[in-house]
Amino acid sequence: MKKRRKSKELKESEDDLMFYLENWKKFPNHFQNIAKKEIEALENKIKNN
C-alpha cells in the first residue's frame, strides 16, 4: 500500500496548529481568544483533508 504524501497546504496547517498549541500559555489573554478560533479552524481543515 502506498503512503500518501501530505500536501504542502496540509503540512503548513499542521505546522501552524503546532505553533499555536506549543505557545498557548505565552499568548496574552486577548490573543488567546483569536488563537482559539484559529486552532478550531485549523483542526477542521486538517480533519477534512
PDB file of N, CA and C in Angstrom:
ATOM      1  N   MET A   1       0.832  -1.176   0.000  1.00  0.00           N
ATOM      2  CA  MET A   1       0.000   0.000   0.000  1.00  0.00           C
ATOM      3  C   MET A   1       0.880   1.244   0.000  1.00  0.00           C
ATOM      4  N   LYS A   2       0.573   2.179  -0.865  1.00  0.00           N
ATOM      5  CA  LYS A   2       1.355   3.404  -0.972  1.00  0.00           C
ATOM      6  C   LYS A   2       1.022   4.354   0.162  1.00  0.00           C
ATOM      7  N   LYS A   3       2.045   4.993   0.666  1.00  0.00           N
ATOM      8  CA  LYS A   3       1.836   6.007   1.686  1.00  0.00           C
ATOM      9  C   LYS A   3       1.550   7.327   0.984  1.00  0.00           C
ATOM     10  N   ARG A   4       0.430   7.955   1.353  1.00  0.00           N
ATOM     11  CA  ARG A   4       0.071   9.223   0.715  1.00  0.00           C
ATOM     12  C   ARG A   4       0.970  10.335   1.213  1.00  0.00           C
ATOM     13  N   ARG A   5       1.394  11.162   0.307  1.00  0.00           N
ATOM     14  CA  ARG A   5       2.162  12.342   0.686  1.00  0.00           C
ATOM     15  C   ARG A   5       1.209  13.421   1.153  1.00  0.00           C
ATOM     16  N   LYS A   6       1.652  14.156   2.138  1.00  0.00           N
ATOM     17  CA  LYS A   6       0.837  15.272   2.607  1.00  0.00           C
ATOM     18  C   LYS A   6       1.027  16.436   1.655  1.00  0.00           C
ATOM     19  N   SER A   7      -0.049  17.109   1.378  1.00  0.00           N
ATOM     20  CA  SER A   7       0.052  18.278   0.524  1.00  0.00           C
ATOM     21  C   SER A   7       0.774  19.380   1.289  1.00  0.00           C
ATOM     22  N   LYS A   8       1.331  20.294   0.552  1.00  0.00           N
ATOM     23  CA  LYS A   8       2.058  21.404   1.163  1.00  0.00           C
ATOM     24  C   LYS A   8       1.131  22.217   2.064  1.00  0.00           C
ATOM     25  N   GLU A   9      -0.092  22.424   1.607  1.00  0.00           N
ATOM     26  CA  GLU A   9      -1.064  23.200   2.382  1.00  0.00           C
ATOM     27  C   GLU A   9      -1.407  22.498   3.702  1.00  0.00           C
ATOM     28  N   LEU A  10      -1.579  21.180   3.660  1.00  0.00           N
ATOM     29  CA  LEU A  10      -1.888  20.420   4.861  1.00  0.00           C
ATOM     30  C   LEU A  10      -0.717  20.471   5.838  1.00  0.00           C
ATOM     31  N   LYS A  11       0.489  20.338   5.324  1.00  0.00           N
ATOM     32  CA  LYS A  11       1.681  20.394   6.172  1.00  0.00           C
ATOM     33  C   LYS A  11       1.793  21.759   6.843  1.00  0.00           C
ATOM     34  N   GLU A  12       1.522  22.831   6.103  1.00  0.00           N
ATOM     35  CA  GLU A  12       1.574  24.173   6.677  1.00  0.00           C
ATOM     36  C   GLU A  12       0.508  24.343   7.748  1.00  0.00           C
ATOM     37  N   SER A  13      -0.662  23.789   7.528  1.00  0.00           N
ATOM     38  CA  SER A  13      -1.741  23.863   8.520  1.00  0.00           C
ATOM     39  C   SER A  13      -1.348  23.141   9.805  1.00  0.00           C
ATOM     40  N   GLU A  14      -0.734  21.978   9.656  1.00  0.00           N
ATOM     41  CA  GLU A  14      -0.285  21.229  10.830  1.00  0.00           C
ATOM     42  C   GLU A  14       0.799  21.987  11.580  1.00  0.00           C
ATOM     43  N   ASP A  15       1.713  22.615  10.852  1.00  0.00           N
ATOM     44  CA  ASP A  15       2.771  23.404  11.486  1.00  0.00           C
ATOM     45  C   ASP A  15       2.190  24.595  12.244  1.00  0.00           C
ATOM     46  N   ASP A  16       1.215  25.262  11.637  1.00  0.00           N
ATOM     47  CA  ASP A  16       0.562  26.393  12.296  1.00  0.00           C
ATOM     48  C   ASP A  16      -0.153  25.942  13.565  1.00  0.00           C
ATOM     49  N   LEU A  17      -0.842  24.818  13.483  1.00  0.00           N
ATOM     50  CA  LEU A  17      -1.560  24.294  14.639  1.00  0.00           C
ATOM     51  C   LEU A  17      -0.584  23.967  15.769  1.00  0.00           C
ATOM     52  N   MET A  18       0.529  23.349  15.443  1.00  0.00           N
ATOM     53  CA  MET A  18       1.529  23.024  16.461  1.00  0.00           C
ATOM     54  C   MET A  18       2.089  24.287  17.107  1.00  0.00           C
ATOM     55  N   PHE A  19       2.302  25.329  16.321  1.00  0.00           N
ATOM     56  CA  PHE A  19       2.784  26.600  16.863  1.00  0.00           C
ATOM     57  C   PHE A  19       1.811  27.138  17.900  1.00  0.00           C
ATOM     58  N   TYR A  20       0.522  27.180  17.548  1.00  0.00           N
ATOM     59  CA  TYR A  20      -0.485  27.699  18.476  1.00  0.00           C
ATOM     60  C   TYR A  20      -0.548  26.863  19.749  1.00  0.00           C
ATOM     61  N   LEU A  21      -0.517  25.550  19.612  1.00  0.00           N
ATOM     62  CA  LEU A  21      -0.631  24.685  20.782  1.00  0.00           C
ATOM     63  C   LEU A  21       0.606  24.753  21.675  1.00  0.00           C
ATOM     64  N   GLU A  22       1.785  24.854  21.074  1.00  0.00           N
ATOM     65  CA  GLU A  22       3.016  24.915  21.858  1.00  0.00           C
ATOM     66  C   GLU A  22       3.163  26.239  22.604  1.00  0.00           C
ATOM     67  N   ASN A  23       2.646  27.319  22.042  1.00  0.00           N
ATOM     68  CA  ASN A  23       2.843  28.645  22.619  1.00  0.00           C
ATOM     69  C   ASN A  23       1.597  29.211  23.277  1.00  0.00           C
ATOM     70  N   TRP A  24       0.610  28.371  23.531  1.00  0.00           N
ATOM     71  CA  TRP A  24      -0.684  28.824  24.047  1.00  0.00           C
ATOM     72  C   TRP A  24      -0.542  29.672  25.312  1.00  0.00           C
ATOM     73  N   LYS A  25       0.234  29.215  26.285  1.00  0.00           N
ATOM     74  CA  LYS A  25       0.330  29.913  27.570  1.00  0.00           C
ATOM     75  C   LYS A  25       1.128  31.204  27.485  1.00  0.00           C
ATOM     76  N   LYS A  26       1.895  31.383  26.458  1.00  0.00           N
ATOM     77  CA  LYS A  26       2.698  32.595  26.292  1.00  0.00           C
ATOM     78  C   LYS A  26       1.882  33.748  25.720  1.00  0.00           C
ATOM     79  N   PHE A  27       0.734  33.430  25.120  1.00  0.00           N
ATOM     80  CA  PHE A  27      -0.085  34.471  24.495  1.00  0.00           C
ATOM     81  C   PHE A  27      -0.801  35.298  25.555  1.00  0.00           C
ATOM     82  N   PRO A  28      -0.944  36.607  25.321  1.00  0.00           N
ATOM     83  CA  PRO A  28      -1.793  37.415  26.210  1.00  0.00           C
ATOM     84  C   PRO A  28      -3.249  36.951  26.086  1.00  0.00           C
ATOM     85  N   ASN A  29      -4.050  37.249  27.095  1.00  0.00           N
ATOM     86  CA  ASN A  29      -5.443  36.767  27.131  1.00  0.00           C
ATOM     87  C   ASN A  29      -6.246  37.168  25.907  1.00  0.00           C
ATOM     88  N   HIS A  30      -6.107  38.409  25.453  1.00  0.00           N
ATOM     89  CA  HIS A  30      -6.905  38.838  24.304  1.00  0.00           C
ATOM     90  C   HIS A  30      -6.505  38.090  23.030  1.00  0.00           C
ATOM     91  N   PHE A  31      -5.249  37.678  22.945  1.00  0.00           N
ATOM     92  CA  PHE A  31      -4.814  36.935  21.766  1.00  0.00           C
ATOM     93  C   PHE A  31      -5.214  35.468  21.854  1.00  0.00           C
ATOM     94  N   GLN A  32      -5.412  34.964  23.079  1.00  0.00           N
ATOM     95  CA  GLN A  32      -5.827  33.566  23.230  1.00  0.00           C
ATOM     96  C   GLN A  32      -7.184  33.322  22.586  1.00  0.00           C
ATOM     97  N   ASN A  33      -8.082  34.310  22.639  1.00  0.00           N
ATOM     98  CA  ASN A  33      -9.391  34.156  22.002  1.00  0.00           C
ATOM     99  C   ASN A  33      -9.249  34.023  20.488  1.00  0.00           C
ATOM    100  N   ILE A  34      -8.379  34.827  19.915  1.00  0.00           N
ATOM    101  CA  ILE A  34      -8.127  34.754  18.473  1.00  0.00           C
ATOM    102  C   ILE A  34      -7.463  33.423  18.137  1.00  0.00           C
ATOM    103  N   ALA A  35      -6.487  33.033  18.951  1.00  0.00           N
ATOM    104  CA  ALA A  35      -5.770  31.782  18.722  1.00  0.00           C
ATOM    105  C   ALA A  35      -6.713  30.588  18.825  1.00  0.00           C
ATOM    106  N   LYS A  36      -7.664  30.649  19.750  1.00  0.00           N
ATOM    107  CA  LYS A  36      -8.626  29.555  19.907  1.00  0.00           C
ATOM    108  C   LYS A  36      -9.437  29.360  18.631  1.00  0.00           C
ATOM    109  N   LYS A  37      -9.862  30.461  18.028  1.00  0.00           N
ATOM    110  CA  LYS A  37     -10.615  30.382  16.771  1.00  0.00           C
ATOM    111  C   LYS A  37      -9.740  29.814  15.655  1.00  0.00           C
ATOM    112  N   GLU A  38      -8.483  30.242  15.618  1.00  0.00           N
ATOM    113  CA  GLU A  38      -7.552  29.732  14.603  1.00  0.00           C
ATOM    114  C   GLU A  38      -7.319  28.234  14.789  1.00  0.00           C
ATOM    115  N   ILE A  39      -7.164  27.811  16.040  1.00  0.00           N
ATOM    116  CA  ILE A  39      -6.945  26.391  16.330  1.00  0.00           C
ATOM    117  C   ILE A  39      -8.132  25.566  15.846  1.00  0.00           C
ATOM    118  N   GLU A  40      -9.343  26.024  16.149  1.00  0.00           N
ATOM    119  CA  GLU A  40     -10.540  25.296  15.716  1.00  0.00           C
ATOM    120  C   GLU A  40     -10.623  25.222  14.195  1.00  0.00           C
ATOM    121  N   ALA A  41     -10.306  26.326  13.528  1.00  0.00           N
ATOM    122  CA  ALA A  41     -10.353  26.347  12.064  1.00  0.00           C
ATOM    123  C   ALA A  41      -9.307  25.403  11.472  1.00  0.00           C
ATOM    124  N   LEU A  42      -8.110  25.410  12.038  1.00  0.00           N
ATOM    125  CA  LEU A  42      -7.046  24.539  11.533  1.00  0.00           C
ATOM    126  C   LEU A  42      -7.376  23.067  11.776  1.00  0.00           C
ATOM    127  N   GLU A  43      -7.937  22.754  12.950  1.00  0.00           N
ATOM    128  CA  GLU A  43      -8.318  21.369  13.232  1.00  0.00           C
ATOM    129  C   GLU A  43      -9.358  20.878  12.230  1.00  0.00           C
ATOM    130  N   ASN A  44     -10.342  21.714  11.935  1.00  0.00           N
ATOM    131  CA  ASN A  44     -11.364  21.332  10.955  1.00  0.00           C
ATOM    132  C   ASN A  44     -10.759  21.149   9.572  1.00  0.00           C
ATOM    133  N   LYS A  45      -9.844  22.026   9.206  1.00  0.00           N
ATOM    134  CA  LYS A  45      -9.198  21.945   7.893  1.00  0.00           C
ATOM    135  C   LYS A  45      -8.406  20.646   7.763  1.00  0.00           C
ATOM    136  N   ILE A  46      -7.683  20.285   8.831  1.00  0.00           N
ATOM    137  CA  ILE A  46      -6.876  19.068   8.811  1.00  0.00           C
ATOM    138  C   ILE A  46      -7.776  17.830   8.774  1.00  0.00           C
ATOM    139  N   LYS A  47      -8.859  17.844   9.550  1.00  0.00           N
ATOM    140  CA  LYS A  47      -9.780  16.701   9.577  1.00  0.00           C
ATOM    141  C   LYS A  47     -10.431  16.470   8.221  1.00  0.00           C
ATOM    142  N   ASN A  48     -10.722  17.538   7.505  1.00  0.00           N
ATOM    143  CA  ASN A  48     -11.418  17.416   6.222  1.00  0.00           C
ATOM    144  C   ASN A  48     -10.501  17.010   5.081  1.00  0.00           C
ATOM    145  N   ASN A  49      -9.214  16.993   5.293  1.00  0.00           N
ATOM    146  CA  ASN A  49      -8.285  16.578   4.230  1.00  0.00           C
ATOM    147  C   ASN A  49      -7.930  15.141   4.344  1.00  0.00           C
TER     148      ASN A  49
END
